[in-house]
Structure formats: C-alpha cells, structure tokens
Amino acid sequence: MKTTSRRTVLRGMGGAALSLPWLDSIAAAKPAARRPLRMAHYYVPIGVVRRGFFPGEAESVIPKGNLGNVMKSLGKQDPNFFAKPLDQLTPTLQPLEAMKSKLNLITGMDRVFQQGTDVHAQCASCYLSSAVPYTIEGTAWPLDRTLDHLVADHVSGKTAFPTLEFSCNSHRDNKESIYFDNISWYGTGHVAPSIRDPRKMYRRLFSTKEINQYRDITDLVLEDAKSLKKDLGYVDRQKFTEYFDSIRTIENQMDRLEAMKTELASVSFDEPSADYLPRGEYIRLMGDLMVVALQTGLTNVATFMIGPERWDTPYLFEGLFDKPRSHHQMSHNQTKMIDDLLKVDQFHMEQFAYLLKKMDSIQESSGTTLLDNTLFTYGSGLGDGSTHQYNDLPIIVAGGGQHVQSGQHINMPEGTPLANLWLTQAKMMGVPLERFADSTGIIKSLLKT
C-alpha cells in the first residue's frame, strides 16, 4: 500500500495548520504499540464540601431538593494507608459512575502552607509548584517552575505547543492578582498566561487570523484531503470523519456565541459580559478545544482551570440558580448554603465527567482511547472551601491506562505530600526526577504492575 508521511499530509492541506489524528493506513512506518502518554490537569477553585465528596463523611444518596437536610458527618478521614476497590460513589462523585473503572480517588494528601499570604493566594498558584516551602527567597509564594512545564521539557518533542493553558474565568474585573488566577508558571514570578476566550484559543490552535478565514476551515481541509481517502482503510475513514465532525461541532458552537454578540450589538444597551453566557456550555467548549489539541498532537500537556480563587464576582450557573451566585461567598456560609454549594460541586464534576467520556470515545491505535493515553487529574488546592484546610485534598486521577492501576480508592497515610503524586506522574511521563518539591516517594498503588 502507498504510504505518506504525516508531514506530507499536513503540507497538502491548503496551508491550514490543522493537525489530523494519527491514521494507521497512511503511516510511513509501522505504528507503535502504544501512543505517547499525555498529561492534563483540571483545577477547581475554593475546594469542595467535604461531606459531599469524601467517602465516610456523607450519606451515599442525597435526595433532590433536600441535600443539606440529610447531610451528616460520619467521622474523620482514615489517617492510615489503604487501597481498595472504588465501589459506591459519594453524591458529588456520582457523575463519574459510568467512568469509575478508569479512575482513582486519592485521599489523604496535603500541601504545606507558607506563611505570608492570604490563605487563598497559594491554592492555585502553588498547586503544581516545584518549590520546597520556605526555600524561594524574596517571595511569599513557594513557587517555582510548575509540573506541567517540567514534564513538557521532556515530552513536547515536535508538538506545536509544549503546553497549553486553558481558563474558564470569563470575568473582566481584576479583583485579585495573577496568583489567584493561574496554576501554570514558567518559574518564580513568571506566569504562563492562560487563554479564556474560546475564539482566541481556536485561532491559536489552528493558526487562523480572521473569522472569515477559519469559519469554513473544515470544508477547505476536507476538500484538499479528498485524495487521501483512496489510501485509507475502513477504520481510518471512520476516524477521519469522526475527527472533522468534532471540529465542525466546535465551529458551530462558537458561531452561535458570535451570533449572540452580533444580535446584542444592535440593541441600545451595553453588551452583557461573558458571565451571562451559559456557564456549562462555556466550560465544555473550552474542554472540547483542549481535547482536540491533545488528540491531534498539538500538545501533550495541558492545564484547565475552572475559575479563579476568591473572586467574589458571581457566575450564573445555568440550571442551578435563578440569579448569579458567588462561589467564594457561598463557601463562607456553608451551614446555610450547603444545598447550593453541593450543587456547584456536582456541576463542576459533571463537566469533568463530560470530558472523560469524550476522551474515552476517541479511539487511538491498538484498541486504546485518548483517555487511556492521558493522565487527566481533577483537583483543588483546598481540602474544604469553608475551613480553608490544606490537608486531605480532593484528588481524582483518571486515564493513563497503559501505566495506571485504575478503579481504586487510595487513601494515603496522614501527612503525605501532594508532591508525591506529582513525582509519580512525572515518572510516568518519562521525566528522570528523583524528587519533586517536598516529595517523600512515589504512590506505588497507582502504578500498574
């Protein structure tokens, strides 16, 4: 069969810098048994309601409309180590039921808080930090080059972007400093700026400069790619179609958002800010862009921040409340607003579940999926949004099937540094590190033997 190099395929697409998923039919060499492992981090601000997230601290079922009334504490988190099957999920974790076999719930991990800043200031900025607390001079933040960039130094290879930073903070007011709004850092004081606008991210990924240039980019690429079809096998033709259908879906979503702004421009009042766009649709659209970037090899490393720490500007969570609400303000009144906070926690988990299912539906070589070939971690820099505790953080590691032993609840010994997980993931990604920040070792129970 005639073979074509990936570079030749891309050059033949009318100059559009749009990458294809790997197609075995046109590979110039025998495909590898395993795809490269990717890494992505899904960060949730303000922590969680412990009684809804952690096993042993909530009822297993919370009736709709009566969330707060039936919540009760069943005891503190077990300080001892154990690894057991992940069976019945807590209320906040319920959206993950269908993906339970491809994830690990990891509890018991802590971060050290370095005195000198507001309690929220280090939650996001130092979440992936490689600094040992109190070792960076001249700053109150224990912040150095973050995990994503250390990993990218070794796995970026020929990707277009060593890392990509996504943010779902649609606010335009700068209430807080950059330390509350970023988890990715090139080094101390040097932020890796995130992109918040889906259209800007789309332009960055696909190298298009104007709306008219990329509105029909899929049609142009398909036209130039027609000559390839005769060389594709049945499976690759299906994959080819599925990929471009996903691109078209993203374009259609962004066209709808653009149309909303165009219509509002003719009305005699100020255009509403992005806060008034449906919150879930915005997060999922940004997530779709991240998935495409990972799928096509535009990057192997991504960070995805749901929102900033401590900002009081409210969001309108569609389907949850009848008016905009501030997640931060609700967290400081947990007793009275526990129903609403639990809804927000589950809302964030539903978006994570959406991305897991999407990644698991994308087939790659050797019968694996994009999720199987990605370490996708859900986490927060606080263990509880009300008490501001830095211990027992809510962490879920999904995917990574070629390296990870999944379907477990792993409870680490009391005082285990979060850096142990980051060291473990760095090693999975092939980075030759013996220590990361204040790590004391790797999490062996996470590794497939």
Protein backbone atom coordinates (compact mmCIF):
# COMPACT_ATOMS: atom_id res chain seq x y z
CA MET A 1 0.00 0.00 0.00
CA LYS A 2 1.15 3.53 -0.73
CA THR A 3 2.40 5.31 2.39
CA THR A 4 2.51 9.02 3.14
CA SER A 5 4.39 10.83 5.88
CA ARG A 6 2.44 12.87 8.41
CA ARG A 7 4.39 15.98 7.34
CA THR A 8 3.31 15.46 3.70
CA VAL A 9 -0.33 15.11 4.79
CA LEU A 10 -0.24 18.38 6.68
CA ARG A 11 1.55 20.24 3.89
CA GLY A 12 -1.15 19.19 1.44
CA MET A 13 -3.97 20.89 3.29
CA GLY A 14 -4.03 24.26 1.59
CA GLY A 15 -1.81 25.86 4.20
CA ALA A 16 -4.28 25.31 7.03
CA ALA A 17 -2.32 24.45 10.17
CA LEU A 18 -4.79 21.80 11.29
CA SER A 19 -3.39 18.52 12.58
CA LEU A 20 -5.02 15.17 11.92
CA PRO A 21 -5.35 12.34 14.39
CA TRP A 22 -2.88 9.58 13.60
CA LEU A 23 -4.19 7.30 10.84
CA ASP A 24 -2.59 3.85 10.67
CA SER A 25 -3.44 3.48 6.97
CA ILE A 26 -1.13 6.33 5.91
CA ALA A 27 1.63 5.89 8.47
CA ALA A 28 5.05 5.86 6.87
CA ALA A 29 6.30 3.37 9.42
CA LYS A 30 4.78 0.58 11.45
CA PRO A 31 2.68 2.21 14.18
CA ALA A 32 3.95 1.94 17.71
CA ALA A 33 2.09 -0.41 20.03
CA ARG A 34 1.41 2.47 22.40
CA ARG A 35 0.59 6.11 21.87
CA PRO A 36 2.58 8.77 23.75
CA LEU A 37 1.20 9.47 27.21
CA ARG A 38 -0.27 12.95 27.64
CA MET A 39 -0.99 14.88 30.84
CA ALA A 40 -3.81 17.30 31.67
CA HIS A 41 -4.90 18.96 34.93
CA TYR A 42 -8.48 20.07 35.69
CA TYR A 43 -8.36 22.57 38.57
CA VAL A 44 -11.40 23.53 40.69
CA PRO A 45 -11.13 26.60 42.96
CA ILE A 46 -12.45 27.12 46.52
CA GLY A 47 -12.16 23.44 47.49
CA VAL A 48 -15.22 21.23 47.98
CA VAL A 49 -17.87 20.45 50.56
CA ARG A 50 -16.17 17.54 52.31
CA ARG A 51 -19.38 15.79 53.30
CA GLY A 52 -20.44 15.54 49.68
CA PHE A 53 -17.08 14.49 48.22
CA PHE A 54 -15.20 12.23 50.62
CA PRO A 55 -16.27 8.63 51.41
CA GLY A 56 -17.22 8.14 55.04
CA GLU A 57 -18.29 11.74 55.50
CA ALA A 58 -21.72 11.72 53.84
CA GLU A 59 -24.79 9.65 53.15
CA SER A 60 -24.33 7.70 49.93
CA VAL A 61 -27.56 9.11 48.48
CA ILE A 62 -28.85 12.66 48.72
CA PRO A 63 -32.46 13.17 47.55
CA LYS A 64 -33.01 16.00 45.10
CA GLY A 65 -34.22 19.20 46.71
CA ASN A 66 -33.25 18.04 50.19
CA LEU A 67 -29.48 18.00 50.03
CA GLY A 68 -28.50 19.87 53.15
CA ASN A 69 -31.07 18.37 55.48
CA VAL A 70 -29.81 14.81 55.13
CA MET A 71 -26.07 15.55 55.16
CA LYS A 72 -24.26 14.38 58.24
CA SER A 73 -20.68 13.64 59.22
CA LEU A 74 -19.82 10.01 59.78
CA GLY A 75 -16.33 10.59 61.12
CA LYS A 76 -12.92 11.88 60.11
CA GLN A 77 -10.92 10.62 57.17
CA ASP A 78 -8.95 7.48 57.99
CA PRO A 79 -5.33 8.57 58.67
CA ASN A 80 -3.97 5.14 57.69
CA PHE A 81 -2.99 3.87 54.26
CA PHE A 82 -5.26 1.61 52.25
CA ALA A 83 -6.05 0.85 48.63
CA LYS A 84 -9.38 -0.78 47.90
CA PRO A 85 -11.84 -1.02 45.01
CA LEU A 86 -13.77 2.15 44.34
CA ASP A 87 -17.32 0.95 44.87
CA GLN A 88 -20.23 3.21 45.82
CA LEU A 89 -19.61 6.85 44.92
CA THR A 90 -20.42 9.80 47.14
CA PRO A 91 -23.01 12.38 45.97
CA THR A 92 -20.50 14.79 44.42
CA LEU A 93 -18.77 11.92 42.61
CA GLN A 94 -21.99 10.43 41.20
CA PRO A 95 -21.49 11.94 37.70
CA LEU A 96 -18.40 9.70 37.38
CA GLU A 97 -20.31 6.42 37.84
CA ALA A 98 -20.00 5.35 34.19
CA MET A 99 -16.22 6.01 34.23
CA LYS A 100 -15.49 4.50 37.64
CA SER A 101 -13.29 1.73 36.27
CA LYS A 102 -10.95 4.25 34.63
CA LEU A 103 -10.19 6.48 37.59
CA ASN A 104 -8.68 6.55 41.07
CA LEU A 105 -9.92 8.58 44.00
CA ILE A 106 -6.86 9.60 46.04
CA THR A 107 -7.37 10.98 49.53
CA GLY A 108 -5.10 11.94 52.40
CA MET A 109 -2.62 14.15 50.53
CA ASP A 110 -1.53 17.51 51.95
CA ARG A 111 0.22 20.71 50.92
CA VAL A 112 2.29 22.93 53.20
CA PHE A 113 1.03 26.50 53.58
CA GLN A 114 3.86 29.03 53.68
CA GLN A 115 3.02 31.95 55.96
CA GLY A 116 2.99 35.40 54.35
CA THR A 117 -0.05 35.48 52.03
CA ASP A 118 -3.81 35.20 52.17
CA VAL A 119 -4.92 31.60 52.55
CA HIS A 120 -6.36 31.52 49.00
CA ALA A 121 -3.28 33.01 47.37
CA GLN A 122 -1.25 29.79 47.32
CA CYS A 123 -4.13 27.44 46.46
CA ALA A 124 -3.95 27.77 42.70
CA SER A 125 -0.54 29.35 42.12
CA CYS A 126 1.35 26.72 44.12
CA TYR A 127 -0.85 23.71 43.29
CA LEU A 128 1.61 22.37 40.70
CA SER A 129 4.66 24.15 42.11
CA SER A 130 8.08 22.55 42.22
CA ALA A 131 9.34 24.62 45.15
CA VAL A 132 10.01 23.31 48.63
CA PRO A 133 8.22 25.68 51.07
CA TYR A 134 10.39 28.48 52.55
CA THR A 135 13.21 27.91 50.04
CA ILE A 136 12.47 30.66 47.48
CA GLU A 137 13.96 33.94 48.66
CA GLY A 138 12.24 37.28 48.23
CA THR A 139 8.71 35.92 47.76
CA ALA A 140 5.86 34.79 49.99
CA TRP A 141 4.89 32.12 47.45
CA PRO A 142 6.62 28.71 47.47
CA LEU A 143 6.52 28.84 43.71
CA ASP A 144 8.95 27.64 41.07
CA ARG A 145 8.63 26.05 37.62
CA THR A 146 5.44 24.00 37.73
CA LEU A 147 4.96 20.32 36.97
CA ASP A 148 3.39 20.86 33.55
CA HIS A 149 6.43 22.75 32.25
CA LEU A 150 8.93 20.35 33.78
CA VAL A 151 7.12 17.49 32.06
CA ALA A 152 6.80 19.43 28.80
CA ASP A 153 10.56 19.96 28.79
CA HIS A 154 10.84 16.21 28.21
CA VAL A 155 7.75 15.28 26.19
CA SER A 156 6.99 18.26 23.96
CA GLY A 157 9.03 16.78 21.12
CA LYS A 158 7.69 18.09 17.82
CA THR A 159 4.36 19.30 19.18
CA ALA A 160 3.27 22.76 18.09
CA PHE A 161 2.82 23.85 21.71
CA PRO A 162 4.90 22.49 24.61
CA THR A 163 1.96 23.31 26.92
CA LEU A 164 -1.48 24.86 26.58
CA GLU A 165 -3.15 26.80 29.39
CA PHE A 166 -6.97 26.95 29.38
CA SER A 167 -9.05 29.09 31.75
CA CYS A 168 -12.80 29.33 32.23
CA ASN A 169 -12.63 32.64 34.09
CA SER A 170 -14.80 34.87 31.93
CA HIS A 171 -14.61 37.83 34.35
CA ARG A 172 -13.04 41.06 33.16
CA ASP A 173 -12.61 42.67 36.56
CA ASN A 174 -9.16 42.22 38.07
CA LYS A 175 -10.19 41.82 41.67
CA GLU A 176 -7.20 39.67 42.56
CA SER A 177 -3.60 39.33 41.44
CA ILE A 178 -2.34 36.81 38.90
CA TYR A 179 -1.53 34.42 41.76
CA PHE A 180 -5.23 33.74 42.31
CA ASP A 181 -5.92 33.07 38.65
CA ASN A 182 -3.14 30.81 37.33
CA ILE A 183 -1.84 27.31 38.04
CA SER A 184 0.86 27.25 35.34
CA TRP A 185 4.20 29.03 35.83
CA TYR A 186 7.44 29.10 33.85
CA GLY A 187 9.23 29.93 37.10
CA THR A 188 9.07 32.14 40.18
CA GLY A 189 7.14 35.29 39.24
CA HIS A 190 6.83 34.25 35.58
CA VAL A 191 3.28 33.20 34.81
CA ALA A 192 2.31 31.13 31.79
CA PRO A 193 -0.71 33.17 30.67
CA SER A 194 -3.91 31.22 30.16
CA ILE A 195 -6.40 31.80 27.35
CA ARG A 196 -10.00 32.41 28.41
CA ASP A 197 -11.73 33.18 25.11
CA PRO A 198 -12.67 30.08 23.06
CA ARG A 199 -12.25 32.00 19.82
CA LYS A 200 -8.74 33.14 20.76
CA MET A 201 -7.82 29.57 21.68
CA TYR A 202 -9.26 28.33 18.39
CA ARG A 203 -7.16 30.86 16.47
CA ARG A 204 -4.08 29.87 18.38
CA LEU A 205 -4.58 26.16 17.73
CA PHE A 206 -5.47 26.42 14.07
CA SER A 207 -3.35 29.42 13.04
CA THR A 208 -6.23 31.43 11.60
CA LYS A 209 -6.25 35.21 11.84
CA GLU A 210 -9.74 36.34 10.90
CA ILE A 211 -13.23 34.92 11.38
CA ASN A 212 -13.83 34.66 7.63
CA GLN A 213 -10.62 32.66 7.21
CA TYR A 214 -11.49 29.93 9.66
CA ARG A 215 -15.31 29.82 9.66
CA ASP A 216 -15.24 27.19 6.90
CA ILE A 217 -11.77 25.78 7.53
CA THR A 218 -13.07 22.25 7.88
CA ASP A 219 -14.59 22.36 4.39
CA LEU A 220 -11.31 23.62 2.91
CA VAL A 221 -9.26 20.94 4.64
CA LEU A 222 -11.66 18.19 3.64
CA GLU A 223 -11.54 19.32 0.02
CA ASP A 224 -7.74 19.16 -0.05
CA ALA A 225 -7.77 15.83 1.79
CA LYS A 226 -10.13 14.01 -0.63
CA SER A 227 -7.20 12.49 -2.46
CA LEU A 228 -6.21 10.65 0.70
CA LYS A 229 -9.42 8.67 1.02
CA LYS A 230 -8.50 6.03 -1.52
CA ASP A 231 -5.49 5.10 0.64
CA LEU A 232 -7.44 4.87 3.91
CA GLY A 233 -8.76 1.66 5.40
CA TYR A 234 -12.30 1.40 6.74
CA VAL A 235 -11.31 2.13 10.37
CA ASP A 236 -9.27 5.19 9.38
CA ARG A 237 -12.10 6.53 7.21
CA GLN A 238 -14.36 6.34 10.25
CA LYS A 239 -11.73 8.05 12.41
CA PHE A 240 -11.18 10.71 9.75
CA THR A 241 -14.91 11.53 9.62
CA GLU A 242 -15.30 11.50 13.40
CA TYR A 243 -12.41 13.93 13.82
CA PHE A 244 -13.69 16.52 11.35
CA ASP A 245 -17.21 16.19 12.72
CA SER A 246 -15.84 17.19 16.11
CA ILE A 247 -14.10 20.23 14.58
CA ARG A 248 -17.33 21.26 12.86
CA THR A 249 -19.23 20.93 16.17
CA ILE A 250 -16.80 23.31 17.86
CA GLU A 251 -17.07 25.79 14.98
CA ASN A 252 -20.87 25.69 15.18
CA GLN A 253 -20.78 26.32 18.92
CA MET A 254 -18.56 29.33 18.51
CA ASP A 255 -20.69 30.62 15.63
CA ARG A 256 -23.67 30.60 18.00
CA LEU A 257 -21.73 32.56 20.60
CA GLU A 258 -20.63 35.05 17.93
CA ALA A 259 -24.22 35.42 16.71
CA MET A 260 -25.38 36.27 20.23
CA LYS A 261 -22.89 39.13 20.42
CA THR A 262 -23.82 40.37 16.93
CA GLU A 263 -27.51 40.50 17.80
CA LEU A 264 -26.84 42.29 21.08
CA ALA A 265 -24.73 44.93 19.32
CA SER A 266 -27.84 46.31 17.62
CA VAL A 267 -29.67 46.78 20.91
CA SER A 268 -29.43 50.12 22.71
CA PHE A 269 -27.78 48.92 25.91
CA ASP A 270 -24.34 47.67 26.83
CA GLU A 271 -23.44 44.18 25.69
CA PRO A 272 -23.63 41.75 28.62
CA SER A 273 -20.28 40.36 29.70
CA ALA A 274 -19.30 36.76 29.08
CA ASP A 275 -20.54 35.97 32.60
CA TYR A 276 -24.06 35.80 31.13
CA LEU A 277 -23.22 33.08 28.61
CA PRO A 278 -24.30 29.61 29.75
CA ARG A 279 -21.63 28.51 32.19
CA GLY A 280 -21.68 24.82 31.36
CA GLU A 281 -21.55 25.41 27.60
CA TYR A 282 -18.57 27.72 28.04
CA ILE A 283 -16.64 25.15 30.10
CA ARG A 284 -17.47 22.31 27.74
CA LEU A 285 -16.46 24.35 24.68
CA MET A 286 -13.09 25.15 26.23
CA GLY A 287 -12.82 21.47 27.15
CA ASP A 288 -13.59 20.40 23.59
CA LEU A 289 -10.73 22.58 22.38
CA MET A 290 -8.38 21.01 24.90
CA VAL A 291 -9.42 17.51 23.83
CA VAL A 292 -8.81 18.30 20.15
CA ALA A 293 -5.38 19.72 20.99
CA LEU A 294 -4.43 16.54 22.85
CA GLN A 295 -5.99 14.25 20.24
CA THR A 296 -4.17 15.78 17.29
CA GLY A 297 -0.78 16.10 18.94
CA LEU A 298 -0.80 19.88 19.00
CA THR A 299 0.32 19.46 22.61
CA ASN A 300 0.98 16.65 25.07
CA VAL A 301 0.50 18.77 28.21
CA ALA A 302 -2.43 21.00 29.19
CA THR A 303 -3.85 22.75 32.25
CA PHE A 304 -7.54 23.58 32.57
CA MET A 305 -8.65 25.99 35.28
CA ILE A 306 -12.38 26.11 36.02
CA GLY A 307 -12.24 29.50 37.75
CA PRO A 308 -10.12 31.81 39.94
CA GLU A 309 -9.62 31.62 43.67
CA ARG A 310 -11.53 34.01 45.98
CA TRP A 311 -13.07 36.29 43.32
CA ASP A 312 -16.48 37.40 44.59
CA THR A 313 -17.84 38.33 41.15
CA PRO A 314 -20.82 35.98 40.64
CA TYR A 315 -21.44 33.48 37.87
CA LEU A 316 -24.82 32.49 36.52
CA PHE A 317 -24.75 28.71 36.83
CA GLU A 318 -27.48 27.82 34.34
CA GLY A 319 -29.92 25.24 35.62
CA LEU A 320 -28.77 25.68 39.24
CA PHE A 321 -29.89 29.12 40.41
CA ASP A 322 -32.21 31.86 39.19
CA LYS A 323 -29.59 34.60 39.62
CA PRO A 324 -25.78 34.86 39.58
CA ARG A 325 -24.02 33.45 42.64
CA SER A 326 -20.52 33.84 44.09
CA HIS A 327 -18.88 30.50 44.81
CA HIS A 328 -16.45 32.13 47.23
CA GLN A 329 -19.10 33.94 49.23
CA MET A 330 -21.23 30.80 49.47
CA SER A 331 -18.23 28.86 50.81
CA HIS A 332 -18.03 31.21 53.80
CA ASN A 333 -21.63 30.49 54.71
CA GLN A 334 -21.57 26.73 54.24
CA THR A 335 -24.02 25.94 57.03
CA LYS A 336 -26.86 27.91 55.43
CA MET A 337 -25.87 27.35 51.80
CA ILE A 338 -24.79 23.73 51.79
CA ASP A 339 -27.50 22.77 49.27
CA ASP A 340 -26.23 25.37 46.81
CA LEU A 341 -22.56 24.52 47.38
CA LEU A 342 -23.21 20.84 46.78
CA LYS A 343 -24.91 21.73 43.51
CA VAL A 344 -21.87 23.74 42.42
CA ASP A 345 -19.51 20.88 43.35
CA GLN A 346 -21.59 18.42 41.37
CA PHE A 347 -21.84 20.87 38.46
CA HIS A 348 -18.03 21.05 38.26
CA MET A 349 -17.85 17.25 38.47
CA GLU A 350 -20.39 16.92 35.64
CA GLN A 351 -18.13 18.96 33.36
CA PHE A 352 -15.17 16.76 34.31
CA ALA A 353 -17.26 13.65 33.59
CA TYR A 354 -18.25 15.10 30.20
CA LEU A 355 -14.58 15.46 29.25
CA LEU A 356 -13.73 11.96 30.49
CA LYS A 357 -16.48 10.42 28.36
CA LYS A 358 -15.48 12.46 25.33
CA MET A 359 -11.82 11.44 25.64
CA ASP A 360 -12.79 7.81 26.16
CA SER A 361 -14.89 7.84 22.97
CA ILE A 362 -11.91 8.81 20.81
CA GLN A 363 -10.23 5.66 19.51
CA GLU A 364 -6.49 5.56 19.04
CA SER A 365 -4.11 2.81 17.96
CA SER A 366 -4.04 -0.71 19.41
CA GLY A 367 -7.58 -0.50 20.74
CA THR A 368 -6.84 2.28 23.22
CA THR A 369 -8.64 5.59 23.68
CA LEU A 370 -7.43 9.13 24.19
CA LEU A 371 -8.33 8.79 27.87
CA ASP A 372 -6.26 5.61 28.14
CA ASN A 373 -3.31 7.62 26.84
CA THR A 374 -3.80 10.68 29.05
CA LEU A 375 -3.21 11.27 32.76
CA PHE A 376 -6.18 13.53 33.50
CA THR A 377 -6.27 14.83 37.08
CA TYR A 378 -9.10 16.61 38.91
CA GLY A 379 -8.00 18.57 41.96
CA SER A 380 -8.19 21.63 44.16
CA GLY A 381 -5.71 23.50 46.33
CA LEU A 382 -8.08 23.40 49.33
CA GLY A 383 -9.49 20.38 51.12
CA ASP A 384 -12.54 22.35 52.25
CA GLY A 385 -13.74 25.70 50.94
CA SER A 386 -15.18 26.71 54.30
CA THR A 387 -12.35 25.82 56.68
CA HIS A 388 -9.54 26.62 54.19
CA GLN A 389 -7.65 23.47 55.14
CA TYR A 390 -4.62 22.50 53.08
CA ASN A 391 -4.73 18.85 54.13
CA ASP A 392 -6.66 15.92 52.64
CA LEU A 393 -7.11 17.50 49.22
CA PRO A 394 -9.80 16.25 46.79
CA ILE A 395 -7.90 14.47 44.01
CA ILE A 396 -9.05 12.17 41.20
CA VAL A 397 -6.65 10.66 38.65
CA ALA A 398 -8.38 9.38 35.51
CA GLY A 399 -7.00 7.63 32.45
CA GLY A 400 -3.39 6.64 31.90
CA GLY A 401 -4.47 3.05 31.31
CA GLN A 402 -1.11 1.90 29.98
CA HIS A 403 0.56 2.89 33.26
CA VAL A 404 -2.18 3.23 35.91
CA GLN A 405 -3.94 0.64 38.03
CA SER A 406 -7.45 2.09 37.99
CA GLY A 407 -10.76 1.63 39.81
CA GLN A 408 -9.39 2.25 43.29
CA HIS A 409 -9.84 4.45 46.31
CA ILE A 410 -6.28 5.06 47.52
CA ASN A 411 -6.05 6.67 50.95
CA MET A 412 -2.54 7.88 51.72
CA PRO A 413 -1.02 7.97 55.21
CA GLU A 414 -1.69 11.16 57.11
CA GLY A 415 0.70 13.93 56.07
CA THR A 416 1.58 12.54 52.63
CA PRO A 417 2.72 15.45 50.41
CA LEU A 418 0.74 16.17 47.24
CA ALA A 419 4.17 16.35 45.62
CA ASN A 420 4.32 12.53 45.86
CA LEU A 421 1.56 12.36 43.24
CA TRP A 422 3.30 14.88 41.01
CA LEU A 423 6.57 12.92 41.28
CA THR A 424 4.69 9.73 40.37
CA GLN A 425 3.11 11.38 37.34
CA ALA A 426 6.40 12.90 36.22
CA LYS A 427 7.98 9.45 36.27
CA MET A 428 5.04 8.01 34.31
CA MET A 429 5.66 10.72 31.72
CA GLY A 430 9.30 9.67 31.46
CA VAL A 431 10.87 12.55 33.36
CA PRO A 432 14.02 11.41 35.22
CA LEU A 433 13.24 13.05 38.59
CA GLU A 434 14.19 11.54 41.92
CA ARG A 435 12.37 14.20 43.93
CA PHE A 436 9.71 16.84 43.28
CA ALA A 437 9.28 19.72 45.75
CA ASP A 438 8.80 18.20 49.23
CA SER A 439 8.01 14.71 47.94
CA THR A 440 8.97 11.69 50.03
CA GLY A 441 8.39 8.99 47.43
CA ILE A 442 6.01 7.77 44.73
CA ILE A 443 2.50 6.35 45.06
CA LYS A 444 3.14 2.70 44.23
CA SER A 445 -0.52 1.69 44.43
CA LEU A 446 -1.23 3.92 41.44
CA LEU A 447 1.19 2.06 39.18
CA LYS A 448 0.21 -0.88 37.02
CA THR A 449 2.47 -3.83 37.79
